[in-house]
Amino acid sequence: MFNHETRAPEETASFYGYTPDRAVCIIFLSLFSVSTIVHVAQAIAYRTWWWLGTAVLCGVLEILGWSARLWSSFNPGLKDPFAMQLTCTILAPTPLLAANFVILEKLIQQLGTGYSRLSPRAYMILFSTCDVLSLVVQAFGGGLASSAVSNGTDPEKGGHIMLIGVAFQLAVITLYSILGIEFFARYLIDTPIRKGWDQKRGDLTPNLKLMIAALGFSTTCLFIRAEYRVIELEDGWGGKIITTEVYFNVLDGSMITLAIYVVNIFHPGRIFRRMTRRERRPGVVGPSYITMS
């Protein structure tokens, strides 16, 4: 499939195994552009500067990835846009997942740390470290695969490394989900893990219920996307899954679109407003308000 020319060989005419649908590319490019602009505005409005390196970064990478796919819709045999979309779309969800880790940390602080198996900060450190490791492995694999494409050689080795990174990310999402579900279950039945220590219980306000629902929805979308990517890469570089566009559009593009928009609608900066001493929830330990910076 690959040679040292600037284009795919005549018999394939496309590095994708298909020609990306131009209308679909424009739709996703527009959706991610709008979401990213709104996320930047929300980060500034709510002073959630960490949001720039998480949800906003995800949006920027998706914009680059779908711009490259739009470019490919005019000529799917060009290597540069294929390599660009390959790297950007594989990496984009990772910073958005990091945003979910921060949101869970703040929910634990609000509702009561006694119901959590780990401290909020320990959750953040553990899962953020795993997220970075996953990002590094995926970036390395994506770089190798992109380089192979640019050099006209087989990108399978890079694909295998990407598979390791995405599989690790899937495992991290699974563990994160299990621990998060345990926390919320213990809160609902009022069964703290740490008996006799920090058993203060915060109020489950309507806003927090919305944030929990949004977090669960976003995490589910990211899980589905990671599962798809694992199956795709396991199937092989020239397999049916990776060369079928509708799978990518539905199980990658659509899932990330839903995940990034749900935190536009239920933005943590709005949900976790600064709390006065009078409004302070009993489950919060420390300052009399929570800041999102």
Protein backbone atom coordinates (compact mmCIF):
# COMPACT_ATOMS: atom_id res chain seq x y z
CA MET A 1 0.00 0.00 0.00
CA PHE A 2 2.90 2.40 0.67
CA ASN A 3 5.81 3.51 -1.51
CA HIS A 4 8.25 6.41 -1.60
CA GLU A 5 6.10 8.62 -3.84
CA THR A 6 4.04 11.53 -2.52
CA ARG A 7 0.83 9.70 -3.34
CA ALA A 8 -0.72 6.32 -2.64
CA PRO A 9 -0.10 3.76 -5.39
CA GLU A 10 -2.53 3.60 -8.29
CA GLU A 11 -4.20 0.36 -7.22
CA THR A 12 -5.27 1.77 -3.85
CA ALA A 13 -5.47 5.52 -4.67
CA SER A 14 -6.10 6.17 -0.97
CA PHE A 15 -4.22 5.66 2.27
CA TYR A 16 -7.58 5.30 4.02
CA GLY A 17 -9.03 2.55 1.89
CA TYR A 18 -11.79 5.05 1.03
CA THR A 19 -12.19 8.73 0.23
CA PRO A 20 -13.28 10.71 3.31
CA ASP A 21 -16.77 12.11 2.83
CA ARG A 22 -16.36 15.85 2.36
CA ALA A 23 -19.72 16.78 3.85
CA VAL A 24 -19.06 14.68 6.96
CA CYS A 25 -15.63 16.29 7.37
CA ILE A 26 -17.13 19.77 7.13
CA ILE A 27 -19.82 18.90 9.68
CA PHE A 28 -17.35 17.55 12.24
CA LEU A 29 -14.88 20.37 11.59
CA SER A 30 -17.65 22.90 12.20
CA LEU A 31 -18.91 21.14 15.32
CA PHE A 32 -15.47 20.92 16.91
CA SER A 33 -14.66 24.52 15.96
CA VAL A 34 -17.83 25.85 17.59
CA SER A 35 -17.33 23.73 20.71
CA THR A 36 -13.70 24.78 21.07
CA ILE A 37 -14.49 28.48 20.72
CA VAL A 38 -17.22 28.14 23.35
CA HIS A 39 -14.85 26.23 25.65
CA VAL A 40 -12.26 29.01 25.38
CA ALA A 41 -14.92 31.59 26.23
CA GLN A 42 -16.15 29.49 29.15
CA ALA A 43 -12.62 28.98 30.47
CA ILE A 44 -12.12 32.74 30.48
CA ALA A 45 -15.57 33.54 31.89
CA TYR A 46 -15.31 31.03 34.75
CA ARG A 47 -11.52 31.42 35.18
CA THR A 48 -11.05 27.68 34.71
CA TRP A 49 -7.58 27.97 33.23
CA TRP A 50 -6.91 24.21 33.50
CA TRP A 51 -9.74 23.80 30.99
CA LEU A 52 -7.49 25.25 28.27
CA GLY A 53 -5.10 22.30 28.56
CA THR A 54 -7.86 19.71 28.64
CA ALA A 55 -11.15 20.23 26.75
CA VAL A 56 -9.80 23.09 24.62
CA LEU A 57 -6.69 21.10 23.67
CA CYS A 58 -8.92 18.17 22.70
CA GLY A 59 -10.94 20.49 20.48
CA VAL A 60 -7.85 21.94 18.82
CA LEU A 61 -6.50 18.47 18.02
CA GLU A 62 -9.86 17.40 16.62
CA ILE A 63 -9.97 20.53 14.46
CA LEU A 64 -6.53 19.71 13.08
CA GLY A 65 -7.49 16.08 12.53
CA TRP A 66 -10.73 16.83 10.72
CA SER A 67 -9.10 19.61 8.71
CA ALA A 68 -6.63 17.00 7.48
CA ARG A 69 -9.45 14.60 6.63
CA LEU A 70 -11.20 17.39 4.72
CA TRP A 71 -7.95 17.94 2.83
CA SER A 72 -7.84 14.23 2.07
CA SER A 73 -11.39 14.37 0.71
CA PHE A 74 -9.94 16.25 -2.26
CA ASN A 75 -7.06 13.82 -2.71
CA PRO A 76 -6.99 10.73 -0.44
CA GLY A 77 -3.65 9.68 -1.92
CA LEU A 78 -1.67 12.47 -0.27
CA LYS A 79 0.48 11.35 2.64
CA ASP A 80 0.74 14.53 4.72
CA PRO A 81 -2.96 14.99 5.56
CA PHE A 82 -3.33 11.27 6.23
CA ALA A 83 -0.41 11.30 8.67
CA MET A 84 -1.73 14.49 10.30
CA GLN A 85 -5.24 13.15 10.91
CA LEU A 86 -3.81 9.85 12.11
CA THR A 87 -1.82 11.48 14.90
CA CYS A 88 -4.32 14.19 15.87
CA THR A 89 -7.43 12.01 16.09
CA ILE A 90 -5.67 9.30 18.09
CA LEU A 91 -4.38 11.83 20.66
CA ALA A 92 -7.33 14.25 20.90
CA PRO A 93 -9.53 12.45 23.48
CA THR A 94 -6.70 12.08 26.02
CA PRO A 95 -6.79 15.67 27.36
CA LEU A 96 -10.60 15.54 27.51
CA LEU A 97 -10.32 12.43 29.67
CA ALA A 98 -8.00 14.40 31.97
CA ALA A 99 -10.78 16.96 32.40
CA ASN A 100 -13.05 14.18 33.64
CA PHE A 101 -10.44 13.23 36.24
CA VAL A 102 -10.46 16.80 37.57
CA ILE A 103 -14.26 16.87 37.67
CA LEU A 104 -14.39 13.66 39.73
CA GLU A 105 -11.83 15.10 42.14
CA LYS A 106 -14.02 18.15 42.71
CA LEU A 107 -17.18 16.06 43.08
CA ILE A 108 -15.48 14.01 45.79
CA GLN A 109 -14.46 17.22 47.56
CA GLN A 110 -18.05 18.44 47.41
CA LEU A 111 -19.87 15.29 48.48
CA GLY A 112 -17.49 13.89 51.07
CA THR A 113 -14.02 12.39 50.89
CA GLY A 114 -14.93 9.66 53.38
CA TYR A 115 -16.84 7.80 50.65
CA SER A 116 -13.84 7.68 48.36
CA ARG A 117 -11.33 4.82 48.27
CA LEU A 118 -8.59 7.32 47.50
CA SER A 119 -8.22 10.95 48.45
CA PRO A 120 -9.31 13.42 45.76
CA ARG A 121 -5.71 14.44 45.15
CA ALA A 122 -4.60 10.81 44.92
CA TYR A 123 -7.24 10.19 42.24
CA MET A 124 -5.97 13.18 40.33
CA ILE A 125 -2.31 12.17 40.56
CA LEU A 126 -2.92 8.50 39.74
CA PHE A 127 -5.18 8.97 36.74
CA SER A 128 -3.40 12.03 35.37
CA THR A 129 -0.10 10.13 35.46
CA CYS A 130 -1.69 7.20 33.64
CA ASP A 131 -3.24 9.60 31.14
CA VAL A 132 0.14 11.17 30.40
CA LEU A 133 1.74 7.74 29.98
CA SER A 134 -1.03 6.75 27.59
CA LEU A 135 -0.56 9.99 25.67
CA VAL A 136 3.20 9.46 25.37
CA VAL A 137 2.80 5.89 24.09
CA GLN A 138 0.08 6.89 21.62
CA ALA A 139 2.11 9.89 20.44
CA PHE A 140 5.19 7.71 19.95
CA GLY A 141 3.22 5.12 18.02
CA GLY A 142 1.42 7.78 16.02
CA GLY A 143 4.72 9.43 15.21
CA LEU A 144 6.21 6.15 13.99
CA ALA A 145 3.15 5.37 11.90
CA SER A 146 3.06 8.87 10.42
CA SER A 147 6.77 8.73 9.66
CA ALA A 148 6.30 5.35 8.00
CA VAL A 149 3.52 6.76 5.86
CA SER A 150 5.67 9.75 4.89
CA ASN A 151 8.56 7.44 3.99
CA GLY A 152 6.36 5.05 2.08
CA THR A 153 6.97 2.13 4.47
CA ASP A 154 4.63 -0.11 6.45
CA PRO A 155 3.10 1.74 9.46
CA GLU A 156 2.08 -1.51 11.19
CA LYS A 157 4.77 -1.20 13.90
CA GLY A 158 3.54 2.26 14.85
CA GLY A 159 0.01 0.92 14.83
CA HIS A 160 0.94 -1.80 17.31
CA ILE A 161 2.44 0.80 19.66
CA MET A 162 -0.68 2.95 19.34
CA LEU A 163 -2.72 -0.14 20.19
CA ILE A 164 -0.76 -0.54 23.43
CA GLY A 165 -1.39 3.11 24.31
CA VAL A 166 -5.11 3.00 23.55
CA ALA A 167 -5.56 -0.35 25.33
CA PHE A 168 -3.85 1.12 28.40
CA GLN A 169 -6.13 4.14 28.17
CA LEU A 170 -9.16 1.84 27.99
CA ALA A 171 -7.96 0.06 31.15
CA VAL A 172 -7.52 3.43 32.88
CA ILE A 173 -11.05 4.52 31.92
CA THR A 174 -12.40 1.22 33.24
CA LEU A 175 -10.62 1.55 36.60
CA TYR A 176 -11.62 5.21 36.87
CA SER A 177 -15.25 4.29 36.18
CA ILE A 178 -15.27 1.47 38.75
CA LEU A 179 -13.83 3.68 41.48
CA GLY A 180 -16.15 6.54 40.55
CA ILE A 181 -19.23 4.29 40.62
CA GLU A 182 -18.15 2.90 43.99
CA PHE A 183 -17.81 6.43 45.38
CA PHE A 184 -21.28 7.51 44.23
CA ALA A 185 -22.85 4.24 45.41
CA ARG A 186 -21.29 4.62 48.86
CA TYR A 187 -22.47 8.21 49.02
CA LEU A 188 -26.05 7.26 48.11
CA ILE A 189 -26.27 4.50 50.73
CA ASP A 190 -24.20 6.56 53.18
CA THR A 191 -21.50 3.93 53.72
CA PRO A 192 -18.14 5.67 54.07
CA ILE A 193 -14.95 3.70 53.59
CA ARG A 194 -13.09 5.53 56.31
CA LYS A 195 -15.06 4.85 59.46
CA GLY A 196 -14.64 7.54 62.05
CA TRP A 197 -12.60 9.78 59.75
CA ASP A 198 -13.93 12.68 57.72
CA GLN A 199 -17.51 11.48 57.58
CA LYS A 200 -18.89 14.88 56.63
CA ARG A 201 -21.48 14.51 53.91
CA GLY A 202 -22.15 17.17 51.31
CA ASP A 203 -25.54 17.92 49.79
CA LEU A 204 -26.35 16.39 46.41
CA THR A 205 -27.74 19.54 44.81
CA PRO A 206 -29.54 19.61 41.43
CA ASN A 207 -26.44 21.15 39.86
CA LEU A 208 -24.24 18.37 41.18
CA LYS A 209 -26.69 15.77 39.87
CA LEU A 210 -26.39 17.35 36.43
CA MET A 211 -22.60 17.34 36.68
CA ILE A 212 -22.54 13.67 37.68
CA ALA A 213 -24.85 12.76 34.78
CA ALA A 214 -22.70 14.76 32.36
CA LEU A 215 -19.54 13.13 33.70
CA GLY A 216 -21.03 9.66 33.30
CA PHE A 217 -22.20 10.40 29.76
CA SER A 218 -18.85 11.87 28.71
CA THR A 219 -16.90 8.97 30.21
CA THR A 220 -19.16 6.45 28.47
CA CYS A 221 -18.55 8.15 25.12
CA LEU A 222 -14.79 8.11 25.70
CA PHE A 223 -14.96 4.43 26.69
CA ILE A 224 -16.86 3.51 23.51
CA ARG A 225 -14.36 5.41 21.40
CA ALA A 226 -11.37 3.75 23.09
CA GLU A 227 -12.95 0.30 22.69
CA TYR A 228 -13.50 1.00 19.00
CA ARG A 229 -9.90 2.12 18.54
CA VAL A 230 -8.58 -1.01 20.25
CA ILE A 231 -10.68 -3.25 18.00
CA GLU A 232 -9.70 -1.19 14.95
CA LEU A 233 -5.96 -1.45 15.60
CA GLU A 234 -6.21 -5.13 16.55
CA ASP A 235 -7.89 -5.77 13.21
CA GLY A 236 -4.77 -4.52 11.46
CA TRP A 237 -3.71 -1.56 9.37
CA GLY A 238 -5.43 -2.84 6.25
CA GLY A 239 -8.34 -4.50 8.06
CA LYS A 240 -12.02 -4.01 7.35
CA ILE A 241 -12.65 -1.82 10.40
CA ILE A 242 -9.98 0.80 9.76
CA THR A 243 -10.92 0.98 6.07
CA THR A 244 -14.66 1.46 6.73
CA GLU A 245 -15.40 5.17 7.11
CA VAL A 246 -18.77 4.90 8.83
CA TYR A 247 -17.19 3.12 11.81
CA PHE A 248 -14.76 5.99 12.31
CA ASN A 249 -17.42 8.67 11.87
CA VAL A 250 -19.84 7.08 14.34
CA LEU A 251 -17.55 5.48 16.93
CA ASP A 252 -14.79 8.08 16.99
CA GLY A 253 -15.99 11.40 15.60
CA SER A 254 -19.52 11.24 16.99
CA MET A 255 -18.45 9.93 20.40
CA ILE A 256 -15.91 12.72 20.92
CA THR A 257 -18.41 15.30 19.66
CA LEU A 258 -20.96 14.16 22.25
CA ALA A 259 -18.32 14.00 25.00
CA ILE A 260 -17.01 17.50 24.36
CA TYR A 261 -20.44 19.11 23.91
CA VAL A 262 -21.91 17.69 27.11
CA VAL A 263 -19.26 19.59 29.10
CA ASN A 264 -20.08 22.72 27.10
CA ILE A 265 -23.67 22.43 28.25
CA PHE A 266 -22.86 21.36 31.83
CA HIS A 267 -19.62 23.25 32.25
CA PRO A 268 -17.86 22.57 35.58
CA GLY A 269 -17.07 26.26 35.94
CA ARG A 270 -20.79 26.96 36.18
CA ILE A 271 -21.60 23.92 38.30
CA PHE A 272 -18.78 24.44 40.80
CA ARG A 273 -19.34 28.08 41.51
CA ARG A 274 -17.41 29.77 44.27
CA MET A 275 -19.11 29.02 47.52
CA THR A 276 -19.65 31.50 50.31
CA ARG A 277 -19.32 30.42 53.91
CA ARG A 278 -23.12 30.34 54.15
CA GLU A 279 -23.41 28.10 51.06
CA ARG A 280 -20.48 25.87 51.92
CA ARG A 281 -21.28 22.17 51.64
CA PRO A 282 -20.51 20.06 54.72
CA GLY A 283 -18.42 17.60 52.69
CA VAL A 284 -15.83 20.17 51.69
CA VAL A 285 -12.63 20.20 53.69
CA GLY A 286 -10.45 23.29 53.57
CA PRO A 287 -11.31 26.77 52.25
CA SER A 288 -14.82 28.13 52.41
CA TYR A 289 -15.12 28.05 48.63
CA ILE A 290 -13.94 25.98 45.70
CA THR A 291 -12.07 27.70 42.91
CA MET A 292 -11.69 26.08 39.53
CA SER A 293 -8.25 27.50 38.81
